[in-house]
Amino acid sequence: MSVNKADIAQALKLNPNLASAYARQAQLENHNKNYTQAIVNAGRSTTLNPKQSLAYAVRAMTFSQMKQTQQAIKDAETAVANDPTSAVAYYTRALLTLTQKNDKALNDLTKATELAPKFLEPYLPLAQLYADRLKWDKCVDVLTKCVRENPKNIEAYRLRADLYFLLTRYGEALRDANTMVELPEVAAELAAEFGAEFGADVAAEVTCCLCV
């Protein structure tokens, strides 16, 4: 999460009435599970600017985590209404209906990826919704867009490799597995666990299992 506490403090020092800074502060508090303070800061933000979409989105997620579902849905709807161009607002609303696996969640996640292609959070739940509906081509399309926007997304490569394998597209599965284990994060993890040379052998075994 790219929310810097020092940057927020500096912004509020320069302008104590900056609604967006309170929204970011609420986002940080929510991330740290300080839910009461997150709601307080989101409220400050919406008081200063009733159209501050991020504050409503953050408060919606906070209410959701506090099991206050109706208030969460209300805030998520307000977030979208206040800024129909906000990918975060659509993503937040989608998360609240995700367990229902309905068209509303699917449409909101799709909208989020269209509005902000580099906002990565919506891609994996969107791919999962298509997988739940056995729409494998759509699932592949979503994961392909995800790795195109972020070529270092390990989970997207892993899921797409699994999906290709399921579809008996073994060459493409192998390609994704090879790409995944060559990513710096994965290579470093294998080297740390097994040693550099043995880690490379483990990576080879991971990809070799797809050579069928």
N, C-alpha and C. Protein backbone atom coordinates (compact mmCIF):
# COMPACT_ATOMS: atom_id res chain seq x y z
N MET A 1 0.84 -1.18 0.00
CA MET A 1 0.00 0.00 0.00
C MET A 1 0.88 1.23 0.00
N SER A 2 0.68 2.14 -0.96
CA SER A 2 1.55 3.29 -1.10
C SER A 2 0.98 4.49 -0.36
N VAL A 3 0.85 4.38 0.96
CA VAL A 3 0.40 5.48 1.80
C VAL A 3 1.49 5.73 2.82
N ASN A 4 2.08 6.93 2.77
CA ASN A 4 3.22 7.25 3.61
C ASN A 4 2.77 8.16 4.76
N LYS A 5 2.98 7.70 5.98
CA LYS A 5 2.53 8.45 7.15
C LYS A 5 3.17 9.82 7.23
N ALA A 6 4.46 9.91 6.91
CA ALA A 6 5.16 11.19 6.97
C ALA A 6 4.61 12.16 5.93
N ASP A 7 4.30 11.66 4.75
CA ASP A 7 3.74 12.51 3.70
C ASP A 7 2.37 13.06 4.11
N ILE A 8 1.57 12.21 4.74
CA ILE A 8 0.25 12.65 5.21
C ILE A 8 0.40 13.75 6.25
N ALA A 9 1.30 13.54 7.21
CA ALA A 9 1.53 14.52 8.27
C ALA A 9 1.99 15.85 7.69
N GLN A 10 2.87 15.80 6.70
CA GLN A 10 3.36 17.01 6.07
C GLN A 10 2.24 17.73 5.33
N ALA A 11 1.40 16.97 4.65
CA ALA A 11 0.28 17.57 3.91
C ALA A 11 -0.68 18.27 4.86
N LEU A 12 -0.97 17.64 5.99
CA LEU A 12 -1.89 18.24 6.96
C LEU A 12 -1.26 19.43 7.68
N LYS A 13 0.05 19.41 7.81
CA LYS A 13 0.74 20.56 8.40
C LYS A 13 0.61 21.77 7.50
N LEU A 14 0.73 21.54 6.20
CA LEU A 14 0.61 22.63 5.22
C LEU A 14 -0.83 23.09 5.07
N ASN A 15 -1.76 22.14 5.19
CA ASN A 15 -3.18 22.46 5.04
C ASN A 15 -4.00 21.55 5.95
N PRO A 16 -4.33 22.02 7.16
CA PRO A 16 -5.08 21.18 8.11
C PRO A 16 -6.49 20.82 7.64
N ASN A 17 -6.95 21.45 6.58
CA ASN A 17 -8.30 21.18 6.06
C ASN A 17 -8.27 20.42 4.74
N LEU A 18 -7.22 19.65 4.51
CA LEU A 18 -7.08 18.91 3.26
C LEU A 18 -7.82 17.58 3.37
N ALA A 19 -8.96 17.51 2.72
CA ALA A 19 -9.81 16.32 2.83
C ALA A 19 -9.12 15.06 2.34
N SER A 20 -8.37 15.18 1.25
CA SER A 20 -7.71 13.99 0.69
C SER A 20 -6.67 13.41 1.64
N ALA A 21 -6.03 14.27 2.45
CA ALA A 21 -5.04 13.78 3.40
C ALA A 21 -5.71 12.96 4.51
N TYR A 22 -6.87 13.41 4.96
CA TYR A 22 -7.60 12.63 5.97
C TYR A 22 -8.08 11.30 5.40
N ALA A 23 -8.44 11.31 4.11
CA ALA A 23 -8.84 10.06 3.46
C ALA A 23 -7.68 9.08 3.42
N ARG A 24 -6.49 9.58 3.11
CA ARG A 24 -5.29 8.73 3.10
C ARG A 24 -4.94 8.26 4.50
N GLN A 25 -5.14 9.15 5.48
CA GLN A 25 -4.89 8.76 6.87
C GLN A 25 -5.85 7.64 7.28
N ALA A 26 -7.09 7.75 6.85
CA ALA A 26 -8.07 6.69 7.13
C ALA A 26 -7.65 5.38 6.47
N GLN A 27 -7.13 5.48 5.25
CA GLN A 27 -6.65 4.30 4.53
C GLN A 27 -5.53 3.62 5.29
N LEU A 28 -4.62 4.42 5.82
CA LEU A 28 -3.50 3.88 6.59
C LEU A 28 -3.99 3.22 7.88
N GLU A 29 -4.91 3.89 8.57
CA GLU A 29 -5.44 3.33 9.81
C GLU A 29 -6.20 2.03 9.55
N ASN A 30 -6.94 1.98 8.46
CA ASN A 30 -7.65 0.75 8.11
C ASN A 30 -6.67 -0.39 7.84
N HIS A 31 -5.60 -0.07 7.11
CA HIS A 31 -4.57 -1.07 6.82
C HIS A 31 -3.95 -1.61 8.10
N ASN A 32 -3.80 -0.74 9.09
CA ASN A 32 -3.21 -1.14 10.38
C ASN A 32 -4.25 -1.69 11.36
N LYS A 33 -5.49 -1.86 10.87
CA LYS A 33 -6.60 -2.42 11.66
C LYS A 33 -7.00 -1.54 12.83
N ASN A 34 -6.70 -0.24 12.71
CA ASN A 34 -7.19 0.73 13.69
C ASN A 34 -8.53 1.26 13.18
N TYR A 35 -9.55 0.41 13.26
CA TYR A 35 -10.80 0.69 12.56
C TYR A 35 -11.54 1.92 13.08
N THR A 36 -11.56 2.11 14.39
CA THR A 36 -12.25 3.27 14.95
C THR A 36 -11.62 4.56 14.45
N GLN A 37 -10.29 4.62 14.47
CA GLN A 37 -9.61 5.82 14.00
C GLN A 37 -9.77 6.00 12.50
N ALA A 38 -9.84 4.91 11.77
CA ALA A 38 -10.07 5.00 10.32
C ALA A 38 -11.41 5.66 10.04
N ILE A 39 -12.44 5.27 10.78
CA ILE A 39 -13.76 5.87 10.60
C ILE A 39 -13.75 7.34 10.97
N VAL A 40 -13.05 7.68 12.04
CA VAL A 40 -12.95 9.08 12.46
C VAL A 40 -12.31 9.93 11.36
N ASN A 41 -11.20 9.46 10.82
CA ASN A 41 -10.51 10.24 9.79
C ASN A 41 -11.29 10.29 8.48
N ALA A 42 -11.96 9.20 8.14
CA ALA A 42 -12.82 9.23 6.95
C ALA A 42 -13.94 10.23 7.13
N GLY A 43 -14.50 10.29 8.34
CA GLY A 43 -15.55 11.26 8.64
C GLY A 43 -15.05 12.69 8.53
N ARG A 44 -13.84 12.94 9.00
CA ARG A 44 -13.25 14.28 8.85
C ARG A 44 -13.13 14.65 7.38
N SER A 45 -12.71 13.68 6.59
CA SER A 45 -12.53 13.93 5.16
C SER A 45 -13.85 14.27 4.49
N THR A 46 -14.89 13.48 4.77
CA THR A 46 -16.19 13.73 4.11
C THR A 46 -16.86 15.00 4.63
N THR A 47 -16.54 15.39 5.87
CA THR A 47 -17.06 16.66 6.39
C THR A 47 -16.44 17.83 5.64
N LEU A 48 -15.14 17.74 5.39
CA LEU A 48 -14.44 18.80 4.66
C LEU A 48 -14.82 18.81 3.18
N ASN A 49 -15.04 17.62 2.64
CA ASN A 49 -15.40 17.50 1.22
C ASN A 49 -16.38 16.33 1.06
N PRO A 50 -17.67 16.62 1.03
CA PRO A 50 -18.68 15.55 0.92
C PRO A 50 -18.56 14.72 -0.35
N LYS A 51 -17.75 15.15 -1.30
CA LYS A 51 -17.58 14.41 -2.55
C LYS A 51 -16.29 13.59 -2.56
N GLN A 52 -15.62 13.49 -1.41
CA GLN A 52 -14.35 12.78 -1.35
C GLN A 52 -14.59 11.27 -1.45
N SER A 53 -14.47 10.75 -2.67
CA SER A 53 -14.83 9.35 -2.94
C SER A 53 -13.96 8.36 -2.16
N LEU A 54 -12.66 8.62 -2.09
CA LEU A 54 -11.75 7.68 -1.42
C LEU A 54 -12.15 7.49 0.04
N ALA A 55 -12.55 8.57 0.70
CA ALA A 55 -12.93 8.46 2.11
C ALA A 55 -14.11 7.52 2.29
N TYR A 56 -15.10 7.63 1.41
CA TYR A 56 -16.25 6.73 1.49
C TYR A 56 -15.84 5.29 1.20
N ALA A 57 -14.96 5.11 0.22
CA ALA A 57 -14.50 3.75 -0.12
C ALA A 57 -13.75 3.12 1.04
N VAL A 58 -12.87 3.89 1.66
CA VAL A 58 -12.11 3.36 2.81
C VAL A 58 -13.04 3.05 3.97
N ARG A 59 -13.98 3.95 4.21
CA ARG A 59 -14.91 3.71 5.33
C ARG A 59 -15.80 2.51 5.04
N ALA A 60 -16.15 2.32 3.77
CA ALA A 60 -16.94 1.14 3.40
C ALA A 60 -16.19 -0.14 3.75
N MET A 61 -14.90 -0.19 3.42
CA MET A 61 -14.11 -1.38 3.74
C MET A 61 -13.96 -1.55 5.25
N THR A 62 -13.82 -0.42 5.95
CA THR A 62 -13.69 -0.50 7.40
C THR A 62 -14.97 -1.03 8.04
N PHE A 63 -16.11 -0.50 7.60
CA PHE A 63 -17.39 -1.00 8.12
C PHE A 63 -17.56 -2.49 7.80
N SER A 64 -17.13 -2.88 6.61
CA SER A 64 -17.23 -4.29 6.22
C SER A 64 -16.42 -5.17 7.16
N GLN A 65 -15.20 -4.73 7.49
CA GLN A 65 -14.35 -5.49 8.39
C GLN A 65 -14.91 -5.53 9.81
N MET A 66 -15.76 -4.54 10.13
CA MET A 66 -16.41 -4.50 11.44
C MET A 66 -17.78 -5.18 11.41
N LYS A 67 -18.07 -5.86 10.28
CA LYS A 67 -19.33 -6.61 10.11
C LYS A 67 -20.56 -5.70 10.10
N GLN A 68 -20.37 -4.44 9.75
CA GLN A 68 -21.50 -3.51 9.61
C GLN A 68 -21.83 -3.40 8.12
N THR A 69 -22.45 -4.44 7.60
CA THR A 69 -22.59 -4.62 6.16
C THR A 69 -23.42 -3.54 5.50
N GLN A 70 -24.56 -3.20 6.07
CA GLN A 70 -25.44 -2.22 5.43
C GLN A 70 -24.78 -0.85 5.32
N GLN A 71 -24.08 -0.44 6.37
CA GLN A 71 -23.37 0.84 6.32
C GLN A 71 -22.24 0.78 5.31
N ALA A 72 -21.59 -0.37 5.21
CA ALA A 72 -20.51 -0.54 4.23
C ALA A 72 -21.04 -0.39 2.81
N ILE A 73 -22.16 -1.04 2.53
CA ILE A 73 -22.75 -0.96 1.18
C ILE A 73 -23.16 0.48 0.86
N LYS A 74 -23.76 1.15 1.83
CA LYS A 74 -24.17 2.54 1.63
C LYS A 74 -22.98 3.42 1.27
N ASP A 75 -21.88 3.27 1.99
CA ASP A 75 -20.69 4.08 1.71
C ASP A 75 -20.07 3.71 0.36
N ALA A 76 -20.09 2.43 0.01
CA ALA A 76 -19.54 2.01 -1.28
C ALA A 76 -20.35 2.60 -2.43
N GLU A 77 -21.66 2.60 -2.29
CA GLU A 77 -22.52 3.20 -3.31
C GLU A 77 -22.24 4.70 -3.43
N THR A 78 -22.04 5.35 -2.31
CA THR A 78 -21.74 6.79 -2.32
C THR A 78 -20.40 7.06 -2.98
N ALA A 79 -19.43 6.20 -2.72
CA ALA A 79 -18.10 6.37 -3.33
C ALA A 79 -18.19 6.34 -4.85
N VAL A 80 -18.96 5.40 -5.39
CA VAL A 80 -19.12 5.30 -6.84
C VAL A 80 -19.90 6.49 -7.38
N ALA A 81 -20.97 6.88 -6.68
CA ALA A 81 -21.79 8.01 -7.13
C ALA A 81 -21.00 9.31 -7.14
N ASN A 82 -20.14 9.49 -6.14
CA ASN A 82 -19.35 10.72 -6.05
C ASN A 82 -18.27 10.81 -7.12
N ASP A 83 -17.74 9.65 -7.53
CA ASP A 83 -16.69 9.66 -8.56
C ASP A 83 -16.80 8.41 -9.42
N PRO A 84 -17.60 8.48 -10.48
CA PRO A 84 -17.78 7.32 -11.37
C PRO A 84 -16.53 6.97 -12.17
N THR A 85 -15.46 7.75 -12.00
CA THR A 85 -14.20 7.43 -12.68
C THR A 85 -13.19 6.78 -11.74
N SER A 86 -13.61 6.49 -10.51
CA SER A 86 -12.69 5.93 -9.51
C SER A 86 -12.67 4.41 -9.55
N ALA A 87 -11.56 3.85 -9.96
CA ALA A 87 -11.41 2.39 -9.96
C ALA A 87 -11.50 1.83 -8.55
N VAL A 88 -10.96 2.56 -7.58
CA VAL A 88 -11.00 2.12 -6.19
C VAL A 88 -12.44 2.00 -5.69
N ALA A 89 -13.28 2.95 -6.10
CA ALA A 89 -14.69 2.92 -5.68
C ALA A 89 -15.39 1.67 -6.22
N TYR A 90 -15.19 1.38 -7.50
CA TYR A 90 -15.81 0.19 -8.09
C TYR A 90 -15.26 -1.09 -7.46
N TYR A 91 -13.96 -1.12 -7.24
CA TYR A 91 -13.34 -2.30 -6.63
C TYR A 91 -13.89 -2.54 -5.22
N THR A 92 -14.02 -1.46 -4.47
CA THR A 92 -14.55 -1.57 -3.11
C THR A 92 -15.97 -2.12 -3.12
N ARG A 93 -16.80 -1.57 -4.01
CA ARG A 93 -18.19 -2.05 -4.07
C ARG A 93 -18.24 -3.52 -4.50
N ALA A 94 -17.35 -3.89 -5.40
CA ALA A 94 -17.31 -5.29 -5.85
C ALA A 94 -16.97 -6.23 -4.70
N LEU A 95 -16.03 -5.84 -3.86
CA LEU A 95 -15.62 -6.72 -2.76
C LEU A 95 -16.78 -7.03 -1.81
N LEU A 96 -17.70 -6.08 -1.69
CA LEU A 96 -18.81 -6.27 -0.76
C LEU A 96 -19.85 -7.26 -1.28
N THR A 97 -19.83 -7.51 -2.59
CA THR A 97 -20.79 -8.46 -3.17
C THR A 97 -20.08 -9.68 -3.77
N LEU A 98 -18.79 -9.80 -3.55
CA LEU A 98 -18.00 -10.83 -4.20
C LEU A 98 -18.45 -12.24 -3.83
N THR A 99 -18.81 -12.43 -2.58
CA THR A 99 -19.19 -13.78 -2.15
C THR A 99 -20.47 -14.26 -2.83
N GLN A 100 -21.26 -13.32 -3.34
CA GLN A 100 -22.49 -13.70 -4.03
C GLN A 100 -22.22 -14.16 -5.47
N LYS A 101 -21.00 -13.85 -5.95
CA LYS A 101 -20.56 -14.26 -7.29
C LYS A 101 -21.57 -13.85 -8.37
N ASN A 102 -22.07 -12.62 -8.25
CA ASN A 102 -23.10 -12.16 -9.17
C ASN A 102 -22.54 -11.23 -10.24
N ASP A 103 -23.43 -10.82 -11.14
CA ASP A 103 -23.01 -9.96 -12.24
C ASP A 103 -22.55 -8.59 -11.76
N LYS A 104 -23.12 -8.11 -10.67
CA LYS A 104 -22.74 -6.79 -10.18
C LYS A 104 -21.27 -6.76 -9.79
N ALA A 105 -20.83 -7.75 -9.07
CA ALA A 105 -19.41 -7.81 -8.69
C ALA A 105 -18.54 -7.93 -9.93
N LEU A 106 -18.94 -8.79 -10.86
CA LEU A 106 -18.16 -8.98 -12.09
C LEU A 106 -18.07 -7.68 -12.87
N ASN A 107 -19.19 -6.97 -13.01
CA ASN A 107 -19.20 -5.72 -13.76
C ASN A 107 -18.37 -4.64 -13.08
N ASP A 108 -18.44 -4.57 -11.75
CA ASP A 108 -17.65 -3.57 -11.03
C ASP A 108 -16.16 -3.84 -11.15
N LEU A 109 -15.76 -5.09 -11.04
CA LEU A 109 -14.34 -5.44 -11.19
C LEU A 109 -13.86 -5.14 -12.61
N THR A 110 -14.68 -5.46 -13.59
CA THR A 110 -14.33 -5.16 -14.98
C THR A 110 -14.16 -3.67 -15.18
N LYS A 111 -15.09 -2.89 -14.63
CA LYS A 111 -15.02 -1.43 -14.75
C LYS A 111 -13.74 -0.90 -14.10
N ALA A 112 -13.37 -1.46 -12.96
CA ALA A 112 -12.15 -1.01 -12.28
C ALA A 112 -10.92 -1.25 -13.14
N THR A 113 -10.85 -2.40 -13.81
CA THR A 113 -9.68 -2.68 -14.66
C THR A 113 -9.67 -1.79 -15.89
N GLU A 114 -10.83 -1.38 -16.35
CA GLU A 114 -10.91 -0.49 -17.52
C GLU A 114 -10.50 0.94 -17.15
N LEU A 115 -10.92 1.39 -15.98
CA LEU A 115 -10.61 2.75 -15.55
C LEU A 115 -9.15 2.92 -15.19
N ALA A 116 -8.56 1.90 -14.59
CA ALA A 116 -7.16 2.00 -14.13
C ALA A 116 -6.47 0.66 -14.38
N PRO A 117 -6.00 0.43 -15.60
CA PRO A 117 -5.40 -0.87 -15.94
C PRO A 117 -4.23 -1.27 -15.05
N LYS A 118 -3.53 -0.29 -14.48
CA LYS A 118 -2.38 -0.63 -13.64
C LYS A 118 -2.75 -0.82 -12.17
N PHE A 119 -4.01 -0.66 -11.84
CA PHE A 119 -4.51 -0.97 -10.50
C PHE A 119 -4.76 -2.47 -10.46
N LEU A 120 -3.89 -3.20 -9.78
CA LEU A 120 -3.82 -4.65 -9.95
C LEU A 120 -4.82 -5.45 -9.12
N GLU A 121 -5.31 -4.88 -8.03
CA GLU A 121 -6.15 -5.66 -7.12
C GLU A 121 -7.39 -6.29 -7.75
N PRO A 122 -8.06 -5.64 -8.71
CA PRO A 122 -9.29 -6.26 -9.24
C PRO A 122 -9.07 -7.49 -10.11
N TYR A 123 -7.88 -7.68 -10.66
CA TYR A 123 -7.69 -8.71 -11.68
C TYR A 123 -7.92 -10.13 -11.17
N LEU A 124 -7.32 -10.48 -10.06
CA LEU A 124 -7.40 -11.86 -9.59
C LEU A 124 -8.82 -12.25 -9.16
N PRO A 125 -9.53 -11.40 -8.39
CA PRO A 125 -10.92 -11.78 -8.10
C PRO A 125 -11.80 -11.82 -9.35
N LEU A 126 -11.51 -10.98 -10.33
CA LEU A 126 -12.27 -11.02 -11.58
C LEU A 126 -12.00 -12.32 -12.32
N ALA A 127 -10.74 -12.73 -12.38
CA ALA A 127 -10.40 -14.00 -13.01
C ALA A 127 -11.08 -15.16 -12.29
N GLN A 128 -11.14 -15.10 -10.97
CA GLN A 128 -11.78 -16.16 -10.20
C GLN A 128 -13.28 -16.25 -10.49
N LEU A 129 -13.92 -15.09 -10.65
CA LEU A 129 -15.35 -15.10 -10.98
C LEU A 129 -15.61 -15.78 -12.32
N TYR A 130 -14.74 -15.50 -13.30
CA TYR A 130 -14.89 -16.16 -14.60
C TYR A 130 -14.61 -17.66 -14.47
N ALA A 131 -13.63 -18.02 -13.65
CA ALA A 131 -13.33 -19.44 -13.44
C ALA A 131 -14.52 -20.16 -12.79
N ASP A 132 -15.16 -19.49 -11.83
CA ASP A 132 -16.33 -20.08 -11.17
C ASP A 132 -17.45 -20.35 -12.17
N ARG A 133 -17.48 -19.55 -13.24
CA ARG A 133 -18.52 -19.71 -14.27
C ARG A 133 -18.04 -20.60 -15.43
N LEU A 134 -16.84 -21.16 -15.25
CA LEU A 134 -16.23 -22.03 -16.27
C LEU A 134 -16.00 -21.29 -17.58
N LYS A 135 -15.82 -19.99 -17.50
CA LYS A 135 -15.52 -19.19 -18.68
C LYS A 135 -14.00 -19.04 -18.77
N TRP A 136 -13.37 -20.11 -19.22
CA TRP A 136 -11.92 -20.20 -19.17
C TRP A 136 -11.23 -19.17 -20.06
N ASP A 137 -11.77 -18.92 -21.25
CA ASP A 137 -11.14 -17.94 -22.14
C ASP A 137 -11.15 -16.55 -21.52
N LYS A 138 -12.27 -16.20 -20.88
CA LYS A 138 -12.35 -14.90 -20.20
C LYS A 138 -11.36 -14.83 -19.05
N CYS A 139 -11.22 -15.93 -18.35
CA CYS A 139 -10.28 -15.99 -17.24
C CYS A 139 -8.85 -15.78 -17.74
N VAL A 140 -8.50 -16.45 -18.83
CA VAL A 140 -7.17 -16.28 -19.44
C VAL A 140 -6.97 -14.83 -19.86
N ASP A 141 -7.99 -14.23 -20.47
CA ASP A 141 -7.88 -12.84 -20.93
C ASP A 141 -7.58 -11.89 -19.77
N VAL A 142 -8.26 -12.09 -18.65
CA VAL A 142 -8.05 -11.23 -17.48
C VAL A 142 -6.63 -11.38 -16.93
N LEU A 143 -6.17 -12.62 -16.80
CA LEU A 143 -4.82 -12.85 -16.27
C LEU A 143 -3.76 -12.35 -17.23
N THR A 144 -4.03 -12.45 -18.53
CA THR A 144 -3.09 -11.94 -19.53
C THR A 144 -2.97 -10.43 -19.44
N LYS A 145 -4.09 -9.75 -19.26
CA LYS A 145 -4.06 -8.30 -19.09
C LYS A 145 -3.31 -7.94 -17.82
N CYS A 146 -3.50 -8.74 -16.78
CA CYS A 146 -2.82 -8.48 -15.50
C CYS A 146 -1.31 -8.54 -15.65
N VAL A 147 -0.80 -9.59 -16.29
CA VAL A 147 0.66 -9.72 -16.42
C VAL A 147 1.21 -8.72 -17.44
N ARG A 148 0.37 -8.30 -18.36
CA ARG A 148 0.82 -7.27 -19.30
C ARG A 148 1.03 -5.93 -18.57
N GLU A 149 0.13 -5.62 -17.65
CA GLU A 149 0.24 -4.38 -16.89
C GLU A 149 1.30 -4.47 -15.80
N ASN A 150 1.53 -5.67 -15.29
CA ASN A 150 2.56 -5.88 -14.26
C ASN A 150 3.27 -7.20 -14.51
N PRO A 151 4.33 -7.16 -15.30
CA PRO A 151 5.04 -8.40 -15.67
C PRO A 151 5.69 -9.13 -14.50
N LYS A 152 5.63 -8.55 -13.30
CA LYS A 152 6.24 -9.19 -12.14
C LYS A 152 5.19 -9.76 -11.18
N ASN A 153 3.96 -9.89 -11.65
CA ASN A 153 2.90 -10.39 -10.79
C ASN A 153 2.97 -11.92 -10.71
N ILE A 154 3.60 -12.41 -9.68
CA ILE A 154 3.86 -13.85 -9.53
C ILE A 154 2.56 -14.64 -9.51
N GLU A 155 1.58 -14.18 -8.74
CA GLU A 155 0.34 -14.93 -8.58
C GLU A 155 -0.41 -15.06 -9.90
N ALA A 156 -0.39 -14.01 -10.72
CA ALA A 156 -1.08 -14.07 -12.01
C ALA A 156 -0.43 -15.10 -12.93
N TYR A 157 0.89 -15.14 -12.94
CA TYR A 157 1.59 -16.17 -13.74
C TYR A 157 1.25 -17.57 -13.23
N ARG A 158 1.23 -17.73 -11.92
CA ARG A 158 0.96 -19.05 -11.35
C ARG A 158 -0.45 -19.52 -11.71
N LEU A 159 -1.41 -18.62 -11.55
CA LEU A 159 -2.80 -18.98 -11.86
C LEU A 159 -2.99 -19.27 -13.34
N ARG A 160 -2.33 -18.46 -14.18
CA ARG A 160 -2.49 -18.70 -15.61
C ARG A 160 -1.81 -20.00 -16.02
N ALA A 161 -0.67 -20.31 -15.41
CA ALA A 161 0.00 -21.59 -15.70
C ALA A 161 -0.91 -22.76 -15.30
N ASP A 162 -1.53 -22.65 -14.13
CA ASP A 162 -2.46 -23.70 -13.69
C ASP A 162 -3.62 -23.84 -14.66
N LEU A 163 -4.12 -22.70 -15.13
CA LEU A 163 -5.26 -22.72 -16.04
C LEU A 163 -4.88 -23.31 -17.39
N TYR A 164 -3.73 -22.90 -17.91
CA TYR A 164 -3.26 -23.48 -19.17
C TYR A 164 -3.10 -25.00 -19.05
N PHE A 165 -2.58 -25.43 -17.91
CA PHE A 165 -2.41 -26.87 -17.70
C PHE A 165 -3.77 -27.58 -17.70
N LEU A 166 -4.74 -26.96 -17.03
CA LEU A 166 -6.09 -27.53 -16.99
C LEU A 166 -6.69 -27.64 -18.39
N LEU A 167 -6.35 -26.65 -19.24
CA LEU A 167 -6.87 -26.63 -20.61
C LEU A 167 -6.01 -27.43 -21.58
N THR A 168 -5.02 -28.15 -21.03
CA THR A 168 -4.06 -28.95 -21.80
C THR A 168 -3.26 -28.11 -22.79
N ARG A 169 -3.06 -26.85 -22.45
CA ARG A 169 -2.21 -25.97 -23.26
C ARG A 169 -0.83 -25.97 -22.60
N TYR A 170 -0.15 -27.12 -22.70
CA TYR A 170 1.04 -27.38 -21.90
C TYR A 170 2.21 -26.45 -22.23
N GLY A 171 2.37 -26.11 -23.50
CA GLY A 171 3.46 -25.22 -23.87
C GLY A 171 3.33 -23.86 -23.22
N GLU A 172 2.11 -23.33 -23.20
CA GLU A 172 1.88 -22.03 -22.57
C GLU A 172 2.00 -22.12 -21.05
N ALA A 173 1.58 -23.25 -20.49
CA ALA A 173 1.75 -23.46 -19.05
C ALA A 173 3.22 -23.48 -18.68
N LEU A 174 4.02 -24.16 -19.48
CA LEU A 174 5.46 -24.22 -19.22
C LEU A 174 6.10 -22.86 -19.35
N ARG A 175 5.67 -22.10 -20.34
CA ARG A 175 6.21 -20.75 -20.52
C ARG A 175 5.95 -19.89 -19.29
N ASP A 176 4.72 -19.93 -18.76
CA ASP A 176 4.40 -19.13 -17.58
C ASP A 176 5.16 -19.62 -16.35
N ALA A 177 5.31 -20.94 -16.21
CA ALA A 177 6.06 -21.47 -15.07
C ALA A 177 7.52 -21.04 -15.14
N ASN A 178 8.09 -21.08 -16.33
CA ASN A 178 9.48 -20.63 -16.51
C ASN A 178 9.62 -19.16 -16.17
N THR A 179 8.68 -18.36 -16.66
CA THR A 179 8.72 -16.92 -16.38
C THR A 179 8.62 -16.66 -14.89
N MET A 180 7.73 -17.37 -14.23
CA MET A 180 7.50 -17.15 -12.80
C MET A 180 8.74 -17.44 -11.98
N VAL A 181 9.38 -18.58 -12.21
CA VAL A 181 10.53 -18.95 -11.37
C VAL A 181 11.76 -18.11 -11.68
N GLU A 182 11.73 -17.39 -12.81
CA GLU A 182 12.85 -16.51 -13.14
C GLU A 182 12.67 -15.10 -12.59
N LEU A 183 11.49 -14.80 -12.05
CA LEU A 183 11.29 -13.49 -11.46
C LEU A 183 12.21 -13.33 -10.25
N PRO A 184 12.78 -12.14 -10.05
CA PRO A 184 13.75 -11.95 -8.96
C PRO A 184 13.25 -12.39 -7.59
N GLU A 185 11.96 -12.11 -7.29
CA GLU A 185 11.43 -12.46 -5.98
C GLU A 185 11.44 -13.97 -5.76
N VAL A 186 11.04 -14.72 -6.79
CA VAL A 186 10.99 -16.17 -6.68
C VAL A 186 12.40 -16.75 -6.64
N ALA A 187 13.26 -16.25 -7.52
CA ALA A 187 14.64 -16.74 -7.57
C ALA A 187 15.34 -16.51 -6.23
N ALA A 188 15.12 -15.34 -5.63
CA ALA A 188 15.75 -15.03 -4.35
C ALA A 188 15.22 -15.94 -3.25
N GLU A 189 13.92 -16.22 -3.29
CA GLU A 189 13.32 -17.09 -2.28
C GLU A 189 13.86 -18.52 -2.39
N LEU A 190 13.99 -19.02 -3.62
CA LEU A 190 14.53 -20.36 -3.82
C LEU A 190 15.99 -20.43 -3.38
N ALA A 191 16.75 -19.38 -3.72
CA ALA A 191 18.16 -19.37 -3.35
C ALA A 191 18.33 -19.32 -1.84
N ALA A 192 17.46 -18.53 -1.18
CA ALA A 192 17.55 -18.40 0.28
C ALA A 192 17.22 -19.72 0.96
N GLU A 193 16.27 -20.45 0.39
CA GLU A 193 15.82 -21.69 1.03
C GLU A 193 16.73 -22.86 0.72
N PHE A 194 17.22 -22.92 -0.52
CA PHE A 194 17.94 -24.12 -0.95
C PHE A 194 19.40 -23.86 -1.32
N GLY A 195 19.82 -22.58 -1.33
CA GLY A 195 21.14 -22.25 -1.86
C GLY A 195 21.01 -21.95 -3.34
N ALA A 196 21.87 -21.11 -3.85
CA ALA A 196 21.72 -20.62 -5.23
C ALA A 196 21.70 -21.75 -6.25
N GLU A 197 22.66 -22.69 -6.15
CA GLU A 197 22.76 -23.75 -7.15
C GLU A 197 21.60 -24.73 -7.02
N PHE A 198 21.31 -25.15 -5.77
CA PHE A 198 20.22 -26.10 -5.57
C PHE A 198 18.86 -25.45 -5.85
N GLY A 199 18.78 -24.13 -5.55
CA GLY A 199 17.55 -23.41 -5.85
C GLY A 199 17.23 -23.43 -7.32
N ALA A 200 18.26 -23.34 -8.15
CA ALA A 200 18.05 -23.42 -9.60
C ALA A 200 17.53 -24.80 -9.99
N ASP A 201 18.04 -25.84 -9.31
CA ASP A 201 17.56 -27.20 -9.59
C ASP A 201 16.09 -27.35 -9.21
N VAL A 202 15.71 -26.76 -8.08
CA VAL A 202 14.32 -26.81 -7.65
C VAL A 202 13.43 -26.10 -8.66
N ALA A 203 13.88 -24.94 -9.15
CA ALA A 203 13.12 -24.21 -10.16
C ALA A 203 12.94 -25.06 -11.40
N ALA A 204 13.98 -25.78 -11.78
CA ALA A 204 13.89 -26.65 -12.96
C ALA A 204 12.87 -27.75 -12.75
N GLU A 205 12.82 -28.29 -11.52
CA GLU A 205 11.85 -29.35 -11.23
C GLU A 205 10.42 -28.81 -11.27
N VAL A 206 10.25 -27.56 -10.80
CA VAL A 206 8.92 -26.96 -10.82
C VAL A 206 8.39 -26.87 -12.23
N THR A 207 9.25 -26.45 -13.16
CA THR A 207 8.81 -26.31 -14.55
C THR A 207 8.76 -27.66 -15.26
N CYS A 208 9.61 -28.57 -14.87
CA CYS A 208 9.68 -29.87 -15.55
C CYS A 208 8.38 -30.66 -15.38
N CYS A 209 7.67 -30.43 -14.27
CA CYS A 209 6.44 -31.18 -14.03
C CYS A 209 5.38 -30.84 -15.07
N LEU A 210 5.58 -29.75 -15.80
CA LEU A 210 4.62 -29.36 -16.82
C LEU A 210 5.00 -29.89 -18.19
N CYS A 211 6.13 -30.54 -18.30
CA CYS A 211 6.59 -31.07 -19.59
C CYS A 211 5.97 -32.44 -19.83
N VAL A 212 4.73 -32.45 -20.20
CA VAL A 212 4.05 -33.73 -20.41
C VAL A 212 3.59 -33.83 -21.85
